[in-house]
Amino acid sequence: METNNNISSLKDTVRKEILGKLRGLAPETRDQRSRRIQEKLISSEEFRSSSTIMTYVSLRTEVDTDHLNEKALEVGKRVVVPFFDLEEHRIIVSELESMDDLVEGPYGIRVPANGPQRVSLEEIDIIVVPAIAYDKNNMRLGRGKGYYDRFLAEPGLSTSKTVGLAFQFQVLDSLPSDTHDRPVSWVITD
């Protein structure tokens, strides 16, 4: 059995490798491939039948989500995004009403300018979960702070579907994982 230190070390190695590839993507390539991934989610039955979707506001080293967020707002979905509570190390769900309302928040992540507006977790139909990498069993490797693992363990989210958006090179055969790590329901790639 792997020790926690060994698992942590393996995770760090995978993070460095994949982040290097992500940083190396040309912006136009990232945009084109991101658009294909977003369109796959937008055309899915899960998206079409959802009322409230939780997405994230992407960093430069993630599959871009701006088109997804704009499209969801355009078709009348309630869109919520994470707001990071740095004191309690947790995610507060906050409603996004317009992409124009975003300002830079913790970790350089854009958040709604009006701050966290609590939304009932039970209302969320789909959660788009960011990650550095996924594996063939839909396990995810995040940035290492545990925000999403703690968030996805919330009882109010037990019926929410979770989806990862990833470039093909971000999906590995297997990932090192701990008992607290949470997989997603499915992963969409380019």
C-alpha atoms as a PDB file:
ATOM      1  CA  MET A   1       0.000   0.000   0.000  1.00  0.00           C
ATOM      2  CA  GLU A   2       1.257   3.462  -0.912  1.00  0.00           C
ATOM      3  CA  THR A   3       2.088   5.835   1.917  1.00  0.00           C
ATOM      4  CA  ASN A   4       0.480   9.279   1.977  1.00  0.00           C
ATOM      5  CA  ASN A   5       3.886  10.915   1.348  1.00  0.00           C
ATOM      6  CA  ASN A   6       4.500   8.655  -1.647  1.00  0.00           C
ATOM      7  CA  ILE A   7       1.014   9.376  -3.061  1.00  0.00           C
ATOM      8  CA  SER A   8       1.566  13.108  -2.540  1.00  0.00           C
ATOM      9  CA  SER A   9       4.920  12.900  -4.316  1.00  0.00           C
ATOM     10  CA  LEU A  10       3.400  10.974  -7.240  1.00  0.00           C
ATOM     11  CA  LYS A  11       0.585  13.536  -7.508  1.00  0.00           C
ATOM     12  CA  ASP A  12       3.117  16.396  -7.574  1.00  0.00           C
ATOM     13  CA  THR A  13       5.029  14.675 -10.376  1.00  0.00           C
ATOM     14  CA  VAL A  14       1.875  14.279 -12.493  1.00  0.00           C
ATOM     15  CA  ARG A  15       0.852  17.894 -11.784  1.00  0.00           C
ATOM     16  CA  LYS A  16       4.221  19.230 -12.962  1.00  0.00           C
ATOM     17  CA  GLU A  17       4.163  17.135 -16.131  1.00  0.00           C
ATOM     18  CA  ILE A  18       0.598  18.052 -17.142  1.00  0.00           C
ATOM     19  CA  LEU A  19       0.933  21.718 -16.154  1.00  0.00           C
ATOM     20  CA  GLY A  20       4.011  21.904 -18.393  1.00  0.00           C
ATOM     21  CA  LYS A  21       1.953  20.610 -21.316  1.00  0.00           C
ATOM     22  CA  LEU A  22      -0.910  22.988 -20.506  1.00  0.00           C
ATOM     23  CA  ARG A  23       1.422  25.998 -20.355  1.00  0.00           C
ATOM     24  CA  GLY A  24       2.919  24.913 -23.673  1.00  0.00           C
ATOM     25  CA  LEU A  25      -0.396  24.996 -25.556  1.00  0.00           C
ATOM     26  CA  ALA A  26      -0.565  27.842 -28.046  1.00  0.00           C
ATOM     27  CA  PRO A  27      -3.479  30.173 -27.180  1.00  0.00           C
ATOM     28  CA  GLU A  28      -5.253  29.567 -30.521  1.00  0.00           C
ATOM     29  CA  THR A  29      -4.912  25.786 -30.084  1.00  0.00           C
ATOM     30  CA  ARG A  30      -6.261  26.014 -26.541  1.00  0.00           C
ATOM     31  CA  ASP A  31      -9.199  28.116 -27.751  1.00  0.00           C
ATOM     32  CA  GLN A  32     -10.095  25.754 -30.627  1.00  0.00           C
ATOM     33  CA  ARG A  33      -9.825  22.601 -28.548  1.00  0.00           C
ATOM     34  CA  SER A  34     -11.676  24.205 -25.612  1.00  0.00           C
ATOM     35  CA  ARG A  35     -14.519  25.227 -27.920  1.00  0.00           C
ATOM     36  CA  ARG A  36     -14.936  21.617 -29.148  1.00  0.00           C
ATOM     37  CA  ILE A  37     -15.044  20.341 -25.560  1.00  0.00           C
ATOM     38  CA  GLN A  38     -17.548  23.001 -24.465  1.00  0.00           C
ATOM     39  CA  GLU A  39     -19.801  22.294 -27.461  1.00  0.00           C
ATOM     40  CA  LYS A  40     -19.889  18.597 -26.540  1.00  0.00           C
ATOM     41  CA  LEU A  41     -21.174  19.482 -23.075  1.00  0.00           C
ATOM     42  CA  ILE A  42     -23.636  22.076 -24.412  1.00  0.00           C
ATOM     43  CA  SER A  43     -25.118  19.529 -26.829  1.00  0.00           C
ATOM     44  CA  SER A  44     -25.450  16.816 -24.143  1.00  0.00           C
ATOM     45  CA  GLU A  45     -28.807  15.734 -22.745  1.00  0.00           C
ATOM     46  CA  GLU A  46     -27.499  16.408 -19.231  1.00  0.00           C
ATOM     47  CA  PHE A  47     -26.866  20.045 -20.084  1.00  0.00           C
ATOM     48  CA  ARG A  48     -30.123  20.514 -22.007  1.00  0.00           C
ATOM     49  CA  SER A  49     -32.211  19.073 -19.166  1.00  0.00           C
ATOM     50  CA  SER A  50     -30.455  21.013 -16.392  1.00  0.00           C
ATOM     51  CA  SER A  51     -31.829  24.138 -14.751  1.00  0.00           C
ATOM     52  CA  THR A  52     -28.831  25.075 -12.619  1.00  0.00           C
ATOM     53  CA  ILE A  53     -25.285  24.389 -13.718  1.00  0.00           C
ATOM     54  CA  MET A  54     -22.169  24.991 -11.687  1.00  0.00           C
ATOM     55  CA  THR A  55     -19.163  25.777 -13.823  1.00  0.00           C
ATOM     56  CA  TYR A  56     -15.847  27.394 -13.120  1.00  0.00           C
ATOM     57  CA  VAL A  57     -14.227  30.481 -14.537  1.00  0.00           C
ATOM     58  CA  SER A  58     -11.128  29.121 -16.236  1.00  0.00           C
ATOM     59  CA  LEU A  59      -7.508  29.965 -15.718  1.00  0.00           C
ATOM     60  CA  ARG A  60      -5.136  30.089 -18.698  1.00  0.00           C
ATOM     61  CA  THR A  61      -3.960  26.554 -17.868  1.00  0.00           C
ATOM     62  CA  GLU A  62      -7.458  25.024 -17.980  1.00  0.00           C
ATOM     63  CA  VAL A  63      -9.980  24.176 -20.654  1.00  0.00           C
ATOM     64  CA  ASP A  64     -11.585  27.545 -21.311  1.00  0.00           C
ATOM     65  CA  THR A  65     -15.155  27.822 -20.003  1.00  0.00           C
ATOM     66  CA  ASP A  66     -16.161  31.320 -21.114  1.00  0.00           C
ATOM     67  CA  HIS A  67     -18.213  30.069 -24.086  1.00  0.00           C
ATOM     68  CA  LEU A  68     -19.961  27.488 -21.888  1.00  0.00           C
ATOM     69  CA  ASN A  69     -20.787  30.088 -19.247  1.00  0.00           C
ATOM     70  CA  GLU A  70     -22.051  32.591 -21.820  1.00  0.00           C
ATOM     71  CA  LYS A  71     -24.138  29.956 -23.629  1.00  0.00           C
ATOM     72  CA  ALA A  72     -25.666  28.693 -20.372  1.00  0.00           C
ATOM     73  CA  LEU A  73     -26.672  32.240 -19.423  1.00  0.00           C
ATOM     74  CA  GLU A  74     -27.969  32.895 -22.951  1.00  0.00           C
ATOM     75  CA  VAL A  75     -30.301  29.862 -22.889  1.00  0.00           C
ATOM     76  CA  GLY A  76     -31.681  30.804 -19.477  1.00  0.00           C
ATOM     77  CA  LYS A  77     -29.824  28.453 -17.162  1.00  0.00           C
ATOM     78  CA  ARG A  78     -28.965  29.525 -13.674  1.00  0.00           C
ATOM     79  CA  VAL A  79     -25.162  29.558 -13.603  1.00  0.00           C
ATOM     80  CA  VAL A  80     -23.202  29.309 -10.384  1.00  0.00           C
ATOM     81  CA  VAL A  81     -19.449  29.392  -9.894  1.00  0.00           C
ATOM     82  CA  PRO A  82     -17.113  28.754  -6.968  1.00  0.00           C
ATOM     83  CA  PHE A  83     -16.152  31.503  -4.572  1.00  0.00           C
ATOM     84  CA  PHE A  84     -13.246  30.459  -2.365  1.00  0.00           C
ATOM     85  CA  ASP A  85     -13.528  30.991   1.394  1.00  0.00           C
ATOM     86  CA  LEU A  86      -9.848  31.216   2.331  1.00  0.00           C
ATOM     87  CA  GLU A  87     -10.489  31.186   6.078  1.00  0.00           C
ATOM     88  CA  GLU A  88     -12.470  27.947   6.102  1.00  0.00           C
ATOM     89  CA  HIS A  89     -10.787  26.444   3.002  1.00  0.00           C
ATOM     90  CA  ARG A  90     -14.057  25.727   1.275  1.00  0.00           C
ATOM     91  CA  ILE A  91     -16.101  26.622  -1.758  1.00  0.00           C
ATOM     92  CA  ILE A  92     -19.165  28.824  -1.479  1.00  0.00           C
ATOM     93  CA  VAL A  93     -21.431  28.610  -4.512  1.00  0.00           C
ATOM     94  CA  SER A  94     -22.143  32.025  -6.000  1.00  0.00           C
ATOM     95  CA  GLU A  95     -24.518  32.963  -8.803  1.00  0.00           C
ATOM     96  CA  LEU A  96     -23.038  34.357 -12.013  1.00  0.00           C
ATOM     97  CA  GLU A  97     -25.398  36.741 -13.786  1.00  0.00           C
ATOM     98  CA  SER A  98     -23.025  38.075 -16.461  1.00  0.00           C
ATOM     99  CA  MET A  99     -19.458  37.439 -17.576  1.00  0.00           C
ATOM    100  CA  ASP A 100     -19.029  41.220 -17.337  1.00  0.00           C
ATOM    101  CA  ASP A 101     -19.538  41.012 -13.547  1.00  0.00           C
ATOM    102  CA  LEU A 102     -16.300  39.109 -12.920  1.00  0.00           C
ATOM    103  CA  VAL A 103     -13.307  40.458 -11.009  1.00  0.00           C
ATOM    104  CA  GLU A 104     -10.070  38.787  -9.982  1.00  0.00           C
ATOM    105  CA  GLY A 105     -10.421  36.856  -6.744  1.00  0.00           C
ATOM    106  CA  PRO A 106      -8.322  34.432  -4.675  1.00  0.00           C
ATOM    107  CA  TYR A 107      -5.693  32.400  -6.580  1.00  0.00           C
ATOM    108  CA  GLY A 108      -6.152  34.700  -9.600  1.00  0.00           C
ATOM    109  CA  ILE A 109      -9.561  33.143 -10.328  1.00  0.00           C
ATOM    110  CA  ARG A 110     -12.267  35.485 -11.583  1.00  0.00           C
ATOM    111  CA  VAL A 111     -15.309  35.633  -9.291  1.00  0.00           C
ATOM    112  CA  PRO A 112     -18.585  37.595  -9.241  1.00  0.00           C
ATOM    113  CA  ALA A 113     -17.878  41.199  -8.189  1.00  0.00           C
ATOM    114  CA  ASN A 114     -20.787  41.220  -5.744  1.00  0.00           C
ATOM    115  CA  GLY A 115     -19.100  38.525  -3.638  1.00  0.00           C
ATOM    116  CA  PRO A 116     -20.397  35.155  -2.577  1.00  0.00           C
ATOM    117  CA  GLN A 117     -24.136  34.708  -2.864  1.00  0.00           C
ATOM    118  CA  ARG A 118     -25.081  31.428  -1.297  1.00  0.00           C
ATOM    119  CA  VAL A 119     -27.073  29.096  -3.507  1.00  0.00           C
ATOM    120  CA  SER A 120     -28.724  25.921  -2.265  1.00  0.00           C
ATOM    121  CA  LEU A 121     -26.575  22.932  -3.229  1.00  0.00           C
ATOM    122  CA  GLU A 122     -29.667  20.799  -3.838  1.00  0.00           C
ATOM    123  CA  GLU A 123     -30.559  23.011  -6.817  1.00  0.00           C
ATOM    124  CA  ILE A 124     -27.376  22.183  -8.761  1.00  0.00           C
ATOM    125  CA  ASP A 125     -27.983  19.663 -11.550  1.00  0.00           C
ATOM    126  CA  ILE A 126     -24.478  19.530 -13.080  1.00  0.00           C
ATOM    127  CA  ILE A 127     -21.106  20.496 -11.652  1.00  0.00           C
ATOM    128  CA  VAL A 128     -18.276  21.140 -14.106  1.00  0.00           C
ATOM    129  CA  VAL A 129     -15.201  20.260 -12.062  1.00  0.00           C
ATOM    130  CA  PRO A 130     -11.746  21.570 -13.001  1.00  0.00           C
ATOM    131  CA  ALA A 131      -8.655  19.394 -12.680  1.00  0.00           C
ATOM    132  CA  ILE A 132      -5.073  19.088 -13.791  1.00  0.00           C
ATOM    133  CA  ALA A 133      -5.694  15.496 -14.917  1.00  0.00           C
ATOM    134  CA  TYR A 134      -8.249  12.685 -14.959  1.00  0.00           C
ATOM    135  CA  ASP A 135      -7.870   8.964 -15.396  1.00  0.00           C
ATOM    136  CA  LYS A 136      -9.823   6.284 -17.249  1.00  0.00           C
ATOM    137  CA  ASN A 137     -11.953   5.718 -14.112  1.00  0.00           C
ATOM    138  CA  ASN A 138     -12.865   9.443 -13.956  1.00  0.00           C
ATOM    139  CA  MET A 139     -10.689  10.041 -10.888  1.00  0.00           C
ATOM    140  CA  ARG A 140      -9.413  13.602 -10.863  1.00  0.00           C
ATOM    141  CA  LEU A 141      -6.224  15.275  -9.790  1.00  0.00           C
ATOM    142  CA  GLY A 142      -6.745  18.859  -8.721  1.00  0.00           C
ATOM    143  CA  ARG A 143      -4.309  21.554  -7.726  1.00  0.00           C
ATOM    144  CA  GLY A 144      -3.663  20.015  -4.306  1.00  0.00           C
ATOM    145  CA  LYS A 145      -5.601  22.232  -1.940  1.00  0.00           C
ATOM    146  CA  GLY A 146      -8.595  19.880  -1.593  1.00  0.00           C
ATOM    147  CA  TYR A 147     -11.311  22.498  -2.144  1.00  0.00           C
ATOM    148  CA  TYR A 148     -13.249  20.429  -4.685  1.00  0.00           C
ATOM    149  CA  ASP A 149     -12.825  17.111  -2.862  1.00  0.00           C
ATOM    150  CA  ARG A 150     -14.340  18.672   0.276  1.00  0.00           C
ATOM    151  CA  PHE A 151     -17.033  20.415  -1.770  1.00  0.00           C
ATOM    152  CA  LEU A 152     -18.066  17.297  -3.718  1.00  0.00           C
ATOM    153  CA  ALA A 153     -18.450  15.408  -0.431  1.00  0.00           C
ATOM    154  CA  GLU A 154     -21.276  17.770   0.629  1.00  0.00           C
ATOM    155  CA  PRO A 155     -24.510  15.770   1.190  1.00  0.00           C
ATOM    156  CA  GLY A 156     -26.582  18.342  -0.727  1.00  0.00           C
ATOM    157  CA  LEU A 157     -24.758  17.393  -3.922  1.00  0.00           C
ATOM    158  CA  SER A 158     -25.569  13.675  -3.802  1.00  0.00           C
ATOM    159  CA  THR A 159     -27.791  13.826  -6.906  1.00  0.00           C
ATOM    160  CA  SER A 160     -25.676  16.286  -8.895  1.00  0.00           C
ATOM    161  CA  LYS A 161     -23.859  14.933 -11.935  1.00  0.00           C
ATOM    162  CA  THR A 162     -20.203  15.885 -12.152  1.00  0.00           C
ATOM    163  CA  VAL A 163     -18.270  16.358 -15.365  1.00  0.00           C
ATOM    164  CA  GLY A 164     -14.653  17.070 -16.122  1.00  0.00           C
ATOM    165  CA  LEU A 165     -13.483  19.010 -19.164  1.00  0.00           C
ATOM    166  CA  ALA A 166     -10.025  17.987 -20.380  1.00  0.00           C
ATOM    167  CA  PHE A 167      -7.686  18.021 -23.301  1.00  0.00           C
ATOM    168  CA  GLN A 168      -6.929  14.472 -24.397  1.00  0.00           C
ATOM    169  CA  PHE A 169      -3.396  14.566 -22.940  1.00  0.00           C
ATOM    170  CA  GLN A 170      -4.890  15.289 -19.508  1.00  0.00           C
ATOM    171  CA  VAL A 171      -6.561  11.854 -19.375  1.00  0.00           C
ATOM    172  CA  LEU A 172      -4.135   9.228 -18.107  1.00  0.00           C
ATOM    173  CA  ASP A 173      -4.542   5.488 -17.617  1.00  0.00           C
ATOM    174  CA  SER A 174      -4.474   5.870 -13.831  1.00  0.00           C
ATOM    175  CA  LEU A 175      -3.764   8.486 -11.181  1.00  0.00           C
ATOM    176  CA  PRO A 176      -2.430   8.191  -7.647  1.00  0.00           C
ATOM    177  CA  SER A 177      -5.328   8.794  -5.253  1.00  0.00           C
ATOM    178  CA  ASP A 178      -6.227   8.988  -1.581  1.00  0.00           C
ATOM    179  CA  THR A 179      -9.464   7.867   0.071  1.00  0.00           C
ATOM    180  CA  HIS A 180     -10.754  11.493   0.162  1.00  0.00           C
ATOM    181  CA  ASP A 181     -10.257  12.032  -3.607  1.00  0.00           C
ATOM    182  CA  ARG A 182     -13.499  12.293  -5.574  1.00  0.00           C
ATOM    183  CA  PRO A 183     -14.045  11.089  -9.147  1.00  0.00           C
ATOM    184  CA  VAL A 184     -16.395  12.795 -11.597  1.00  0.00           C
ATOM    185  CA  SER A 185     -19.383  11.138 -13.310  1.00  0.00           C
ATOM    186  CA  TRP A 186     -17.840  11.570 -16.756  1.00  0.00           C
ATOM    187  CA  VAL A 187     -15.057  13.362 -18.637  1.00  0.00           C
ATOM    188  CA  ILE A 188     -15.399  15.204 -21.962  1.00  0.00           C
ATOM    189  CA  THR A 189     -12.288  15.600 -24.108  1.00  0.00           C
ATOM    190  CA  ASP A 190     -11.411  17.018 -27.486  1.00  0.00           C
END
